């Protein structure tokens, strides 16, 4: 039985989404030109079809070209990715994720203090 595509983004899909979040609308060629590693045109078009199936992009036809736009805002995509990461690797625990980041020295204690201060300041 065929497996359903993951709702999370692959690295290449995320690169395409970054282009669309920055430009609002773009053709496959415009997207390809801005991506690192010079992907093939067919690769970009395949990824755009996958992103449409996942619900991240839609296209309209302009002349002979498909013009793509993001249907999910970047913060919403970030929320989906974080939720997936938490469920998949940390049993749904944000605390476990933060502890891992501290243990791996990805977040230093002073940075954590700064984040606490910024969070308190942003509360009404």
PDB file of N, CA and C in Angstrom:
ATOM      1  N   UNK A   1       0.840  -1.175   0.000  1.00  0.00           N
ATOM      2  CA  UNK A   1       0.000   0.000   0.000  1.00  0.00           C
ATOM      3  C   UNK A   1       0.888   1.243   0.000  1.00  0.00           C
ATOM      4  N   UNK A   2       0.566   2.210  -0.841  1.00  0.00           N
ATOM      5  CA  UNK A   2       1.349   3.437  -0.938  1.00  0.00           C
ATOM      6  C   UNK A   2       1.184   4.266   0.328  1.00  0.00           C
ATOM      7  N   UNK A   3       2.250   4.866   0.726  1.00  0.00           N
ATOM      8  CA  UNK A   3       2.263   5.676   1.927  1.00  0.00           C
ATOM      9  C   UNK A   3       1.857   7.094   1.570  1.00  0.00           C
ATOM     10  N   UNK A   4       1.082   7.728   2.454  1.00  0.00           N
ATOM     11  CA  UNK A   4       0.675   9.113   2.237  1.00  0.00           C
ATOM     12  C   UNK A   4       1.873  10.024   2.452  1.00  0.00           C
ATOM     13  N   UNK A   5       1.980  11.106   1.672  1.00  0.00           N
ATOM     14  CA  UNK A   5       3.101  12.014   1.869  1.00  0.00           C
ATOM     15  C   UNK A   5       3.007  12.701   3.230  1.00  0.00           C
ATOM     16  N   UNK A   6       4.154  12.916   3.842  1.00  0.00           N
ATOM     17  CA  UNK A   6       4.211  13.601   5.128  1.00  0.00           C
ATOM     18  C   UNK A   6       3.739  15.041   4.969  1.00  0.00           C
ATOM     19  N   UNK A   7       3.056  15.547   5.978  1.00  0.00           N
ATOM     20  CA  UNK A   7       2.608  16.942   5.944  1.00  0.00           C
ATOM     21  C   UNK A   7       3.743  17.900   6.287  1.00  0.00           C
ATOM     22  N   UNK A   8       4.853  17.372   6.816  1.00  0.00           N
ATOM     23  CA  UNK A   8       5.993  18.231   7.118  1.00  0.00           C
ATOM     24  C   UNK A   8       6.801  18.463   5.847  1.00  0.00           C
ATOM     25  N   UNK A   9       7.642  19.468   5.882  1.00  0.00           N
ATOM     26  CA  UNK A   9       8.414  19.857   4.703  1.00  0.00           C
ATOM     27  C   UNK A   9       9.786  19.198   4.686  1.00  0.00           C
ATOM     28  N   UNK A  10      10.192  18.736   3.505  1.00  0.00           N
ATOM     29  CA  UNK A  10      11.568  18.293   3.314  1.00  0.00           C
ATOM     30  C   UNK A  10      12.439  19.542   3.184  1.00  0.00           C
ATOM     31  N   UNK A  11      13.750  19.350   3.156  1.00  0.00           N
ATOM     32  CA  UNK A  11      14.658  20.492   3.031  1.00  0.00           C
ATOM     33  C   UNK A  11      14.401  21.263   1.727  1.00  0.00           C
ATOM     34  N   UNK A  12      14.273  20.555   0.616  1.00  0.00           N
ATOM     35  CA  UNK A  12      14.036  21.219  -0.673  1.00  0.00           C
ATOM     36  C   UNK A  12      12.673  21.906  -0.708  1.00  0.00           C
ATOM     37  N   UNK A  13      11.656  21.259  -0.139  1.00  0.00           N
ATOM     38  CA  UNK A  13      10.325  21.880  -0.086  1.00  0.00           C
ATOM     39  C   UNK A  13      10.374  23.167   0.727  1.00  0.00           C
ATOM     40  N   UNK A  14      11.117  23.139   1.830  1.00  0.00           N
ATOM     41  CA  UNK A  14      11.252  24.340   2.661  1.00  0.00           C
ATOM     42  C   UNK A  14      11.961  25.455   1.894  1.00  0.00           C
ATOM     43  N   UNK A  15      12.935  25.102   1.058  1.00  0.00           N
ATOM     44  CA  UNK A  15      13.620  26.113   0.245  1.00  0.00           C
ATOM     45  C   UNK A  15      12.648  26.773  -0.728  1.00  0.00           C
ATOM     46  N   UNK A  16      11.783  25.976  -1.325  1.00  0.00           N
ATOM     47  CA  UNK A  16      10.775  26.528  -2.236  1.00  0.00           C
ATOM     48  C   UNK A  16       9.832  27.443  -1.476  1.00  0.00           C
ATOM     49  N   UNK A  17       9.401  27.009  -0.302  1.00  0.00           N
ATOM     50  CA  UNK A  17       8.481  27.827   0.490  1.00  0.00           C
ATOM     51  C   UNK A  17       9.131  29.149   0.888  1.00  0.00           C
ATOM     52  N   UNK A  18      10.413  29.133   1.211  1.00  0.00           N
ATOM     53  CA  UNK A  18      11.117  30.381   1.548  1.00  0.00           C
ATOM     54  C   UNK A  18      11.041  31.368   0.384  1.00  0.00           C
ATOM     55  N   UNK A  19      11.205  30.859  -0.832  1.00  0.00           N
ATOM     56  CA  UNK A  19      11.104  31.727  -2.011  1.00  0.00           C
ATOM     57  C   UNK A  19       9.707  32.322  -2.099  1.00  0.00           C
ATOM     58  N   UNK A  20       8.690  31.483  -1.946  1.00  0.00           N
ATOM     59  CA  UNK A  20       7.311  31.962  -2.069  1.00  0.00           C
ATOM     60  C   UNK A  20       6.928  32.899  -0.928  1.00  0.00           C
ATOM     61  N   UNK A  21       7.399  32.655   0.269  1.00  0.00           N
ATOM     62  CA  UNK A  21       7.113  33.575   1.369  1.00  0.00           C
ATOM     63  C   UNK A  21       7.784  34.923   1.138  1.00  0.00           C
ATOM     64  N   UNK A  22       8.910  34.923   0.452  1.00  0.00           N
ATOM     65  CA  UNK A  22       9.614  36.174   0.177  1.00  0.00           C
ATOM     66  C   UNK A  22       9.094  36.931  -1.032  1.00  0.00           C
ATOM     67  N   UNK A  23       8.507  36.232  -1.991  1.00  0.00           N
ATOM     68  CA  UNK A  23       8.095  36.864  -3.244  1.00  0.00           C
ATOM     69  C   UNK A  23       6.587  36.948  -3.425  1.00  0.00           C
ATOM     70  N   UNK A  24       5.834  36.254  -2.653  1.00  0.00           N
ATOM     71  CA  UNK A  24       4.374  36.169  -2.761  1.00  0.00           C
ATOM     72  C   UNK A  24       3.951  35.260  -3.910  1.00  0.00           C
ATOM     73  N   UNK A  25       4.441  35.490  -5.125  1.00  0.00           N
ATOM     74  CA  UNK A  25       4.091  34.654  -6.285  1.00  0.00           C
ATOM     75  C   UNK A  25       5.340  34.455  -7.140  1.00  0.00           C
ATOM     76  N   UNK A  26       5.436  33.257  -7.732  1.00  0.00           N
ATOM     77  CA  UNK A  26       6.594  32.983  -8.591  1.00  0.00           C
ATOM     78  C   UNK A  26       6.302  31.787  -9.487  1.00  0.00           C
ATOM     79  N   UNK A  27       6.934  31.789 -10.652  1.00  0.00           N
ATOM     80  CA  UNK A  27       6.863  30.636 -11.548  1.00  0.00           C
ATOM     81  C   UNK A  27       7.892  29.600 -11.088  1.00  0.00           C
ATOM     82  N   UNK A  28       7.782  28.391 -11.614  1.00  0.00           N
ATOM     83  CA  UNK A  28       8.747  27.343 -11.281  1.00  0.00           C
ATOM     84  C   UNK A  28      10.160  27.781 -11.668  1.00  0.00           C
ATOM     85  N   UNK A  29      10.287  28.443 -12.795  1.00  0.00           N
ATOM     86  CA  UNK A  29      11.606  28.908 -13.247  1.00  0.00           C
ATOM     87  C   UNK A  29      12.173  29.959 -12.291  1.00  0.00           C
ATOM     88  N   UNK A  30      11.351  30.901 -11.853  1.00  0.00           N
ATOM     89  CA  UNK A  30      11.812  31.918 -10.903  1.00  0.00           C
ATOM     90  C   UNK A  30      12.241  31.271  -9.586  1.00  0.00           C
ATOM     91  N   UNK A  31      11.499  30.281  -9.159  1.00  0.00           N
ATOM     92  CA  UNK A  31      11.847  29.570  -7.928  1.00  0.00           C
ATOM     93  C   UNK A  31      13.172  28.837  -8.112  1.00  0.00           C
ATOM     94  N   UNK A  32      13.310  28.105  -9.213  1.00  0.00           N
ATOM     95  CA  UNK A  32      14.524  27.329  -9.481  1.00  0.00           C
ATOM     96  C   UNK A  32      15.760  28.221  -9.490  1.00  0.00           C
ATOM     97  N   UNK A  33      15.641  29.400 -10.090  1.00  0.00           N
ATOM     98  CA  UNK A  33      16.780  30.319 -10.200  1.00  0.00           C
ATOM     99  C   UNK A  33      17.289  30.798  -8.847  1.00  0.00           C
ATOM    100  N   UNK A  34      16.447  30.801  -7.836  1.00  0.00           N
ATOM    101  CA  UNK A  34      16.860  31.307  -6.526  1.00  0.00           C
ATOM    102  C   UNK A  34      17.264  30.209  -5.549  1.00  0.00           C
ATOM    103  N   UNK A  35      17.067  28.956  -5.940  1.00  0.00           N
ATOM    104  CA  UNK A  35      17.387  27.847  -5.038  1.00  0.00           C
ATOM    105  C   UNK A  35      18.866  27.482  -5.099  1.00  0.00           C
ATOM    106  N   UNK A  36      19.437  27.098  -3.958  1.00  0.00           N
ATOM    107  CA  UNK A  36      20.836  26.659  -3.965  1.00  0.00           C
ATOM    108  C   UNK A  36      20.982  25.303  -4.653  1.00  0.00           C
ATOM    109  N   UNK A  37      22.146  25.060  -5.195  1.00  0.00           N
ATOM    110  CA  UNK A  37      22.440  23.758  -5.784  1.00  0.00           C
ATOM    111  C   UNK A  37      21.921  23.534  -7.186  1.00  0.00           C
ATOM    112  N   UNK A  38      21.362  24.543  -7.802  1.00  0.00           N
ATOM    113  CA  UNK A  38      20.878  24.473  -9.182  1.00  0.00           C
ATOM    114  C   UNK A  38      20.067  23.205  -9.469  1.00  0.00           C
ATOM    115  N   UNK A  39      18.903  23.056  -8.844  1.00  0.00           N
ATOM    116  CA  UNK A  39      18.092  21.864  -9.111  1.00  0.00           C
ATOM    117  C   UNK A  39      17.559  21.865 -10.539  1.00  0.00           C
ATOM    118  N   UNK A  40      17.257  20.691 -11.053  1.00  0.00           N
ATOM    119  CA  UNK A  40      16.668  20.575 -12.384  1.00  0.00           C
ATOM    120  C   UNK A  40      15.259  21.141 -12.381  1.00  0.00           C
ATOM    121  N   UNK A  41      14.837  21.635 -13.519  1.00  0.00           N
ATOM    122  CA  UNK A  41      13.494  22.183 -13.668  1.00  0.00           C
ATOM    123  C   UNK A  41      12.439  21.151 -13.290  1.00  0.00           C
ATOM    124  N   UNK A  42      12.632  19.913 -13.732  1.00  0.00           N
ATOM    125  CA  UNK A  42      11.642  18.865 -13.435  1.00  0.00           C
ATOM    126  C   UNK A  42      11.565  18.576 -11.934  1.00  0.00           C
ATOM    127  N   UNK A  43      12.686  18.700 -11.238  1.00  0.00           N
ATOM    128  CA  UNK A  43      12.696  18.494  -9.790  1.00  0.00           C
ATOM    129  C   UNK A  43      11.844  19.544  -9.098  1.00  0.00           C
ATOM    130  N   UNK A  44      12.027  20.793  -9.491  1.00  0.00           N
ATOM    131  CA  UNK A  44      11.262  21.889  -8.887  1.00  0.00           C
ATOM    132  C   UNK A  44       9.776  21.711  -9.172  1.00  0.00           C
ATOM    133  N   UNK A  45       9.440  21.369 -10.390  1.00  0.00           N
ATOM    134  CA  UNK A  45       8.024  21.179 -10.743  1.00  0.00           C
ATOM    135  C   UNK A  45       7.403  20.008  -9.971  1.00  0.00           C
ATOM    136  N   UNK A  46       8.158  18.941  -9.802  1.00  0.00           N
ATOM    137  CA  UNK A  46       7.669  17.804  -9.015  1.00  0.00           C
ATOM    138  C   UNK A  46       7.442  18.218  -7.564  1.00  0.00           C
ATOM    139  N   UNK A  47       8.389  18.947  -6.999  1.00  0.00           N
ATOM    140  CA  UNK A  47       8.246  19.405  -5.616  1.00  0.00           C
ATOM    141  C   UNK A  47       7.057  20.351  -5.463  1.00  0.00           C
ATOM    142  N   UNK A  48       6.820  21.188  -6.457  1.00  0.00           N
ATOM    143  CA  UNK A  48       5.664  22.087  -6.399  1.00  0.00           C
ATOM    144  C   UNK A  48       4.353  21.298  -6.421  1.00  0.00           C
ATOM    145  N   UNK A  49       4.302  20.232  -7.211  1.00  0.00           N
ATOM    146  CA  UNK A  49       3.095  19.378  -7.218  1.00  0.00           C
ATOM    147  C   UNK A  49       2.891  18.724  -5.853  1.00  0.00           C
ATOM    148  N   UNK A  50       3.978  18.267  -5.253  1.00  0.00           N
ATOM    149  CA  UNK A  50       3.894  17.661  -3.923  1.00  0.00           C
ATOM    150  C   UNK A  50       3.415  18.693  -2.904  1.00  0.00           C
ATOM    151  N   UNK A  51       3.960  19.907  -2.984  1.00  0.00           N
ATOM    152  CA  UNK A  51       3.540  20.970  -2.063  1.00  0.00           C
ATOM    153  C   UNK A  51       2.066  21.313  -2.243  1.00  0.00           C
ATOM    154  N   UNK A  52       1.570  21.229  -3.477  1.00  0.00           N
ATOM    155  CA  UNK A  52       0.138  21.448  -3.708  1.00  0.00           C
ATOM    156  C   UNK A  52      -0.677  20.347  -3.035  1.00  0.00           C
ATOM    157  N   UNK A  53      -0.238  19.104  -3.169  1.00  0.00           N
ATOM    158  CA  UNK A  53      -0.951  17.987  -2.533  1.00  0.00           C
ATOM    159  C   UNK A  53      -0.957  18.123  -1.014  1.00  0.00           C
ATOM    160  N   UNK A  54       0.136  18.637  -0.466  1.00  0.00           N
ATOM    161  CA  UNK A  54       0.228  18.842   0.977  1.00  0.00           C
ATOM    162  C   UNK A  54      -0.575  20.057   1.441  1.00  0.00           C
ATOM    163  N   UNK A  55      -1.001  20.896   0.493  1.00  0.00           N
ATOM    164  CA  UNK A  55      -1.787  22.074   0.839  1.00  0.00           C
ATOM    165  C   UNK A  55      -0.973  23.315   1.150  1.00  0.00           C
ATOM    166  N   UNK A  56       0.312  23.310   0.813  1.00  0.00           N
ATOM    167  CA  UNK A  56       1.172  24.456   1.101  1.00  0.00           C
ATOM    168  C   UNK A  56       1.143  25.515   0.000  1.00  0.00           C
ATOM    169  N   UNK A  57       0.868  25.122  -1.236  1.00  0.00           N
ATOM    170  CA  UNK A  57       0.848  26.071  -2.356  1.00  0.00           C
ATOM    171  C   UNK A  57      -0.352  25.811  -3.257  1.00  0.00           C
ATOM    172  N   UNK A  58      -0.685  26.838  -4.016  1.00  0.00           N
ATOM    173  CA  UNK A  58      -1.679  26.735  -5.086  1.00  0.00           C
ATOM    174  C   UNK A  58      -1.084  27.414  -6.303  1.00  0.00           C
ATOM    175  N   UNK A  59      -1.630  27.082  -7.461  1.00  0.00           N
ATOM    176  CA  UNK A  59      -1.144  27.746  -8.666  1.00  0.00           C
ATOM    177  C   UNK A  59      -2.314  28.333  -9.442  1.00  0.00           C
ATOM    178  N   UNK A  60      -1.974  29.327 -10.239  1.00  0.00           N
ATOM    179  CA  UNK A  60      -2.911  29.872 -11.218  1.00  0.00           C
ATOM    180  C   UNK A  60      -2.187  29.839 -12.557  1.00  0.00           C
ATOM    181  N   UNK A  61      -2.942  29.884 -13.631  1.00  0.00           N
ATOM    182  CA  UNK A  61      -2.337  29.844 -14.964  1.00  0.00           C
ATOM    183  C   UNK A  61      -2.298  31.258 -15.510  1.00  0.00           C
ATOM    184  N   UNK A  62      -1.100  31.663 -15.918  1.00  0.00           N
ATOM    185  CA  UNK A  62      -0.914  32.975 -16.525  1.00  0.00           C
ATOM    186  C   UNK A  62      -0.209  32.751 -17.859  1.00  0.00           C
ATOM    187  N   UNK A  63      -0.973  32.849 -18.946  1.00  0.00           N
ATOM    188  CA  UNK A  63      -0.422  32.517 -20.258  1.00  0.00           C
ATOM    189  C   UNK A  63      -0.129  31.032 -20.304  1.00  0.00           C
ATOM    190  N   UNK A  64       1.141  30.694 -20.587  1.00  0.00           N
ATOM    191  CA  UNK A  64       1.554  29.289 -20.620  1.00  0.00           C
ATOM    192  C   UNK A  64       2.244  28.858 -19.324  1.00  0.00           C
ATOM    193  N   UNK A  65       2.308  29.758 -18.361  1.00  0.00           N
ATOM    194  CA  UNK A  65       3.034  29.467 -17.125  1.00  0.00           C
ATOM    195  C   UNK A  65       2.102  29.255 -15.942  1.00  0.00           C
ATOM    196  N   UNK A  66       2.536  28.391 -15.042  1.00  0.00           N
ATOM    197  CA  UNK A  66       1.879  28.259 -13.745  1.00  0.00           C
ATOM    198  C   UNK A  66       2.562  29.254 -12.810  1.00  0.00           C
ATOM    199  N   UNK A  67       1.760  29.999 -12.081  1.00  0.00           N
ATOM    200  CA  UNK A  67       2.287  30.930 -11.088  1.00  0.00           C
ATOM    201  C   UNK A  67       1.857  30.407  -9.719  1.00  0.00           C
ATOM    202  N   UNK A  68       2.832  30.195  -8.853  1.00  0.00           N
ATOM    203  CA  UNK A  68       2.583  29.576  -7.556  1.00  0.00           C
ATOM    204  C   UNK A  68       2.569  30.623  -6.450  1.00  0.00           C
ATOM    205  N   UNK A  69       1.775  30.325  -5.414  1.00  0.00           N
ATOM    206  CA  UNK A  69       1.745  31.172  -4.220  1.00  0.00           C
ATOM    207  C   UNK A  69       1.586  30.271  -3.000  1.00  0.00           C
ATOM    208  N   UNK A  70       2.114  30.732  -1.894  1.00  0.00           N
ATOM    209  CA  UNK A  70       1.975  29.986  -0.643  1.00  0.00           C
ATOM    210  C   UNK A  70       0.546  30.120  -0.132  1.00  0.00           C
ATOM    211  N   UNK A  71       0.002  29.038   0.385  1.00  0.00           N
ATOM    212  CA  UNK A  71      -1.331  29.080   0.992  1.00  0.00           C
ATOM    213  C   UNK A  71      -1.247  29.004   2.509  1.00  0.00           C
ATOM    214  N   UNK A  72      -0.066  28.741   3.020  1.00  0.00           N
ATOM    215  CA  UNK A  72       0.165  28.674   4.458  1.00  0.00           C
ATOM    216  C   UNK A  72       1.249  29.686   4.804  1.00  0.00           C
ATOM    217  N   UNK A  73       0.964  30.543   5.770  1.00  0.00           N
ATOM    218  CA  UNK A  73       1.941  31.539   6.214  1.00  0.00           C
ATOM    219  C   UNK A  73       3.110  30.841   6.917  1.00  0.00           C
ATOM    220  N   UNK A  74       4.263  31.483   6.878  1.00  0.00           N
ATOM    221  CA  UNK A  74       5.463  30.897   7.472  1.00  0.00           C
ATOM    222  C   UNK A  74       5.273  30.541   8.953  1.00  0.00           C
ATOM    223  N   UNK A  75       4.671  31.419   9.782  1.00  0.00           N
ATOM    224  CA  UNK A  75       4.481  31.038  11.188  1.00  0.00           C
ATOM    225  C   UNK A  75       3.638  29.766  11.358  1.00  0.00           C
ATOM    226  N   UNK A  76       2.641  29.578  10.518  1.00  0.00           N
ATOM    227  CA  UNK A  76       1.806  28.371  10.582  1.00  0.00           C
ATOM    228  C   UNK A  76       2.635  27.137  10.211  1.00  0.00           C
ATOM    229  N   UNK A  77       3.481  27.262   9.193  1.00  0.00           N
ATOM    230  CA  UNK A  77       4.354  26.148   8.803  1.00  0.00           C
ATOM    231  C   UNK A  77       5.351  25.836   9.920  1.00  0.00           C
ATOM    232  N   UNK A  78       5.861  26.881  10.578  1.00  0.00           N
ATOM    233  CA  UNK A  78       6.767  26.671  11.707  1.00  0.00           C
ATOM    234  C   UNK A  78       6.051  25.934  12.834  1.00  0.00           C
ATOM    235  N   UNK A  79       4.807  26.328  13.109  1.00  0.00           N
ATOM    236  CA  UNK A  79       4.016  25.647  14.144  1.00  0.00           C
ATOM    237  C   UNK A  79       3.857  24.165  13.821  1.00  0.00           C
ATOM    238  N   UNK A  80       3.544  23.861  12.556  1.00  0.00           N
ATOM    239  CA  UNK A  80       3.385  22.462  12.141  1.00  0.00           C
ATOM    240  C   UNK A  80       4.683  21.681  12.333  1.00  0.00           C
ATOM    241  N   UNK A  81       5.803  22.287  11.939  1.00  0.00           N
ATOM    242  CA  UNK A  81       7.095  21.609  12.043  1.00  0.00           C
ATOM    243  C   UNK A  81       7.474  21.371  13.503  1.00  0.00           C
ATOM    244  N   UNK A  82       7.244  22.362  14.347  1.00  0.00           N
ATOM    245  CA  UNK A  82       7.573  22.217  15.768  1.00  0.00           C
ATOM    246  C   UNK A  82       6.696  21.150  16.411  1.00  0.00           C
ATOM    247  N   UNK A  83       5.411  21.173  16.097  1.00  0.00           N
ATOM    248  CA  UNK A  83       4.495  20.167  16.641  1.00  0.00           C
ATOM    249  C   UNK A  83       4.931  18.766  16.225  1.00  0.00           C
ATOM    250  N   UNK A  84       5.297  18.611  14.952  1.00  0.00           N
ATOM    251  CA  UNK A  84       5.772  17.308  14.463  1.00  0.00           C
ATOM    252  C   UNK A  84       7.043  16.888  15.203  1.00  0.00           C
ATOM    253  N   UNK A  85       7.989  17.803  15.329  1.00  0.00           N
ATOM    254  CA  UNK A  85       9.247  17.516  16.015  1.00  0.00           C
ATOM    255  C   UNK A  85       8.991  17.097  17.461  1.00  0.00           C
ATOM    256  N   UNK A  86       8.143  17.844  18.157  1.00  0.00           N
ATOM    257  CA  UNK A  86       7.838  17.523  19.551  1.00  0.00           C
ATOM    258  C   UNK A  86       7.208  16.141  19.682  1.00  0.00           C
ATOM    259  N   UNK A  87       6.228  15.853  18.839  1.00  0.00           N
ATOM    260  CA  UNK A  87       5.543  14.554  18.913  1.00  0.00           C
ATOM    261  C   UNK A  87       6.471  13.406  18.525  1.00  0.00           C
ATOM    262  N   UNK A  88       7.218  13.594  17.443  1.00  0.00           N
ATOM    263  CA  UNK A  88       8.039  12.519  16.881  1.00  0.00           C
ATOM    264  C   UNK A  88       9.235  12.154  17.751  1.00  0.00           C
ATOM    265  N   UNK A  89       9.893  13.169  18.333  1.00  0.00           N
ATOM    266  CA  UNK A  89      11.162  12.914  19.005  1.00  0.00           C
ATOM    267  C   UNK A  89      11.189  13.225  20.495  1.00  0.00           C
ATOM    268  N   UNK A  90      10.182  13.947  20.999  1.00  0.00           N
ATOM    269  CA  UNK A  90      10.228  14.381  22.392  1.00  0.00           C
ATOM    270  C   UNK A  90       8.955  14.056  23.171  1.00  0.00           C
ATOM    271  N   UNK A  91       8.159  13.133  22.660  1.00  0.00           N
ATOM    272  CA  UNK A  91       6.953  12.721  23.363  1.00  0.00           C
ATOM    273  C   UNK A  91       5.992  13.863  23.635  1.00  0.00           C
ATOM    274  N   UNK A  92       6.044  14.893  22.797  1.00  0.00           N
ATOM    275  CA  UNK A  92       5.157  16.041  22.963  1.00  0.00           C
ATOM    276  C   UNK A  92       5.636  17.045  23.996  1.00  0.00           C
ATOM    277  N   UNK A  93       6.815  16.844  24.554  1.00  0.00           N
ATOM    278  CA  UNK A  93       7.322  17.692  25.631  1.00  0.00           C
ATOM    279  C   UNK A  93       8.242  18.796  25.114  1.00  0.00           C
ATOM    280  N   UNK A  94       7.779  20.039  25.220  1.00  0.00           N
ATOM    281  CA  UNK A  94       8.618  21.183  24.856  1.00  0.00           C
ATOM    282  C   UNK A  94       9.793  21.293  25.827  1.00  0.00           C
ATOM    283  N   UNK A  95       9.545  20.925  27.080  1.00  0.00           N
ATOM    284  CA  UNK A  95      10.606  20.957  28.087  1.00  0.00           C
ATOM    285  C   UNK A  95      11.755  20.028  27.688  1.00  0.00           C
ATOM    286  N   UNK A  96      11.424  18.835  27.215  1.00  0.00           N
ATOM    287  CA  UNK A  96      12.461  17.888  26.786  1.00  0.00           C
ATOM    288  C   UNK A  96      13.262  18.451  25.613  1.00  0.00           C
ATOM    289  N   UNK A  97      12.583  19.136  24.704  1.00  0.00           N
ATOM    290  CA  UNK A  97      13.277  19.759  23.572  1.00  0.00           C
ATOM    291  C   UNK A  97      14.239  20.837  24.053  1.00  0.00           C
ATOM    292  N   UNK A  98      13.774  21.712  24.934  1.00  0.00           N
ATOM    293  CA  UNK A  98      14.623  22.798  25.438  1.00  0.00           C
ATOM    294  C   UNK A  98      15.814  22.223  26.202  1.00  0.00           C
ATOM    295  N   UNK A  99      15.580  21.202  27.021  1.00  0.00           N
ATOM    296  CA  UNK A  99      16.689  20.577  27.749  1.00  0.00           C
ATOM    297  C   UNK A  99      17.712  19.987  26.786  1.00  0.00           C
ATOM    298  N   UNK A 100      17.236  19.392  25.721  1.00  0.00           N
ATOM    299  CA  UNK A 100      18.156  18.838  24.713  1.00  0.00           C
ATOM    300  C   UNK A 100      18.980  19.952  24.066  1.00  0.00           C
ATOM    301  N   UNK A 101      18.335  21.064  23.748  1.00  0.00           N
ATOM    302  CA  UNK A 101      19.050  22.197  23.157  1.00  0.00           C
ATOM    303  C   UNK A 101      20.112  22.735  24.114  1.00  0.00           C
ATOM    304  N   UNK A 102      19.786  22.773  25.398  1.00  0.00           N
ATOM    305  CA  UNK A 102      20.757  23.226  26.397  1.00  0.00           C
ATOM    306  C   UNK A 102      21.900  22.218  26.502  1.00  0.00           C
ATOM    307  N   UNK A 103      21.561  20.927  26.600  1.00  0.00           N
ATOM    308  CA  UNK A 103      22.588  19.880  26.704  1.00  0.00           C
ATOM    309  C   UNK A 103      23.535  19.892  25.505  1.00  0.00           C
ATOM    310  N   UNK A 104      23.001  20.157  24.330  1.00  0.00           N
ATOM    311  CA  UNK A 104      23.818  20.197  23.112  1.00  0.00           C
ATOM    312  C   UNK A 104      24.485  21.550  22.895  1.00  0.00           C
ATOM    313  N   UNK A 105      24.312  22.459  23.850  1.00  0.00           N
ATOM    314  CA  UNK A 105      24.864  23.819  23.792  1.00  0.00           C
ATOM    315  C   UNK A 105      24.393  24.583  22.564  1.00  0.00           C
ATOM    316  N   UNK A 106      23.179  24.272  22.126  1.00  0.00           N
ATOM    317  CA  UNK A 106      22.551  25.030  21.043  1.00  0.00           C
ATOM    318  C   UNK A 106      21.927  26.306  21.612  1.00  0.00           C
ATOM    319  N   UNK A 107      21.554  26.238  22.895  1.00  0.00           N
ATOM    320  CA  UNK A 107      21.087  27.415  23.638  1.00  0.00           C
ATOM    321  C   UNK A 107      21.934  27.491  24.898  1.00  0.00           C
ATOM    322  N   UNK A 108      22.574  28.625  25.096  1.00  0.00           N
ATOM    323  CA  UNK A 108      23.376  28.835  26.296  1.00  0.00           C
ATOM    324  C   UNK A 108      22.475  29.356  27.408  1.00  0.00           C
ATOM    325  N   UNK A 109      22.830  29.108  28.668  1.00  0.00           N
ATOM    326  CA  UNK A 109      21.986  29.569  29.778  1.00  0.00           C
ATOM    327  C   UNK A 109      21.659  31.064  29.716  1.00  0.00           C
ATOM    328  N   UNK A 110      22.620  31.879  29.323  1.00  0.00           N
ATOM    329  CA  UNK A 110      22.347  33.327  29.244  1.00  0.00           C
ATOM    330  C   UNK A 110      21.348  33.649  28.121  1.00  0.00           C
ATOM    331  N   UNK A 111      21.376  32.864  27.058  1.00  0.00           N
ATOM    332  CA  UNK A 111      20.379  33.045  26.000  1.00  0.00           C
ATOM    333  C   UNK A 111      18.993  32.658  26.498  1.00  0.00           C
ATOM    334  N   UNK A 112      18.934  31.625  27.307  1.00  0.00           N
ATOM    335  CA  UNK A 112      17.657  31.204  27.889  1.00  0.00           C
ATOM    336  C   UNK A 112      17.104  32.301  28.798  1.00  0.00           C
ATOM    337  N   UNK A 113      17.980  32.931  29.587  1.00  0.00           N
ATOM    338  CA  UNK A 113      17.554  34.054  30.432  1.00  0.00           C
ATOM    339  C   UNK A 113      17.013  35.194  29.579  1.00  0.00           C
ATOM    340  N   UNK A 114      17.679  35.480  28.476  1.00  0.00           N
ATOM    341  CA  UNK A 114      17.224  36.543  27.565  1.00  0.00           C
ATOM    342  C   UNK A 114      15.861  36.191  26.972  1.00  0.00           C
ATOM    343  N   UNK A 115      15.677  34.942  26.604  1.00  0.00           N
ATOM    344  CA  UNK A 115      14.381  34.510  26.067  1.00  0.00           C
ATOM    345  C   UNK A 115      13.275  34.655  27.110  1.00  0.00           C
ATOM    346  N   UNK A 116      13.582  34.309  28.365  1.00  0.00           N
ATOM    347  CA  UNK A 116      12.592  34.482  29.441  1.00  0.00           C
ATOM    348  C   UNK A 116      12.206  35.952  29.578  1.00  0.00           C
ATOM    349  N   UNK A 117      13.205  36.827  29.562  1.00  0.00           N
ATOM    350  CA  UNK A 117      12.940  38.269  29.691  1.00  0.00           C
ATOM    351  C   UNK A 117      12.086  38.772  28.535  1.00  0.00           C
ATOM    352  N   UNK A 118      12.416  38.367  27.331  1.00  0.00           N
ATOM    353  CA  UNK A 118      11.643  38.797  26.157  1.00  0.00           C
ATOM    354  C   UNK A 118      10.221  38.264  26.208  1.00  0.00           C
ATOM    355  N   UNK A 119      10.071  37.033  26.682  1.00  0.00           N
ATOM    356  CA  UNK A 119       8.738  36.439  26.790  1.00  0.00           C
ATOM    357  C   UNK A 119       7.897  37.206  27.816  1.00  0.00           C
ATOM    358  N   UNK A 120       8.491  37.519  28.966  1.00  0.00           N
ATOM    359  CA  UNK A 120       7.765  38.281  29.992  1.00  0.00           C
ATOM    360  C   UNK A 120       7.367  39.654  29.470  1.00  0.00           C
ATOM    361  N   UNK A 121       8.271  40.295  28.737  1.00  0.00           N
ATOM    362  CA  UNK A 121       7.999  41.640  28.206  1.00  0.00           C
ATOM    363  C   UNK A 121       6.905  41.622  27.144  1.00  0.00           C
ATOM    364  N   UNK A 122       6.741  40.503  26.460  1.00  0.00           N
ATOM    365  CA  UNK A 122       5.741  40.435  25.385  1.00  0.00           C
ATOM    366  C   UNK A 122       4.344  40.104  25.898  1.00  0.00           C
ATOM    367  N   UNK A 123       4.244  39.725  27.155  1.00  0.00           N
ATOM    368  CA  UNK A 123       2.926  39.406  27.733  1.00  0.00           C
ATOM    369  C   UNK A 123       2.170  40.690  28.056  1.00  0.00           C
ATOM    370  N   UNK A 124       0.857  40.673  27.825  1.00  0.00           N
ATOM    371  CA  UNK A 124       0.060  41.875  28.153  1.00  0.00           C
ATOM    372  C   UNK A 124      -0.105  42.074  29.644  1.00  0.00           C
TER     373      UNK A 124
END
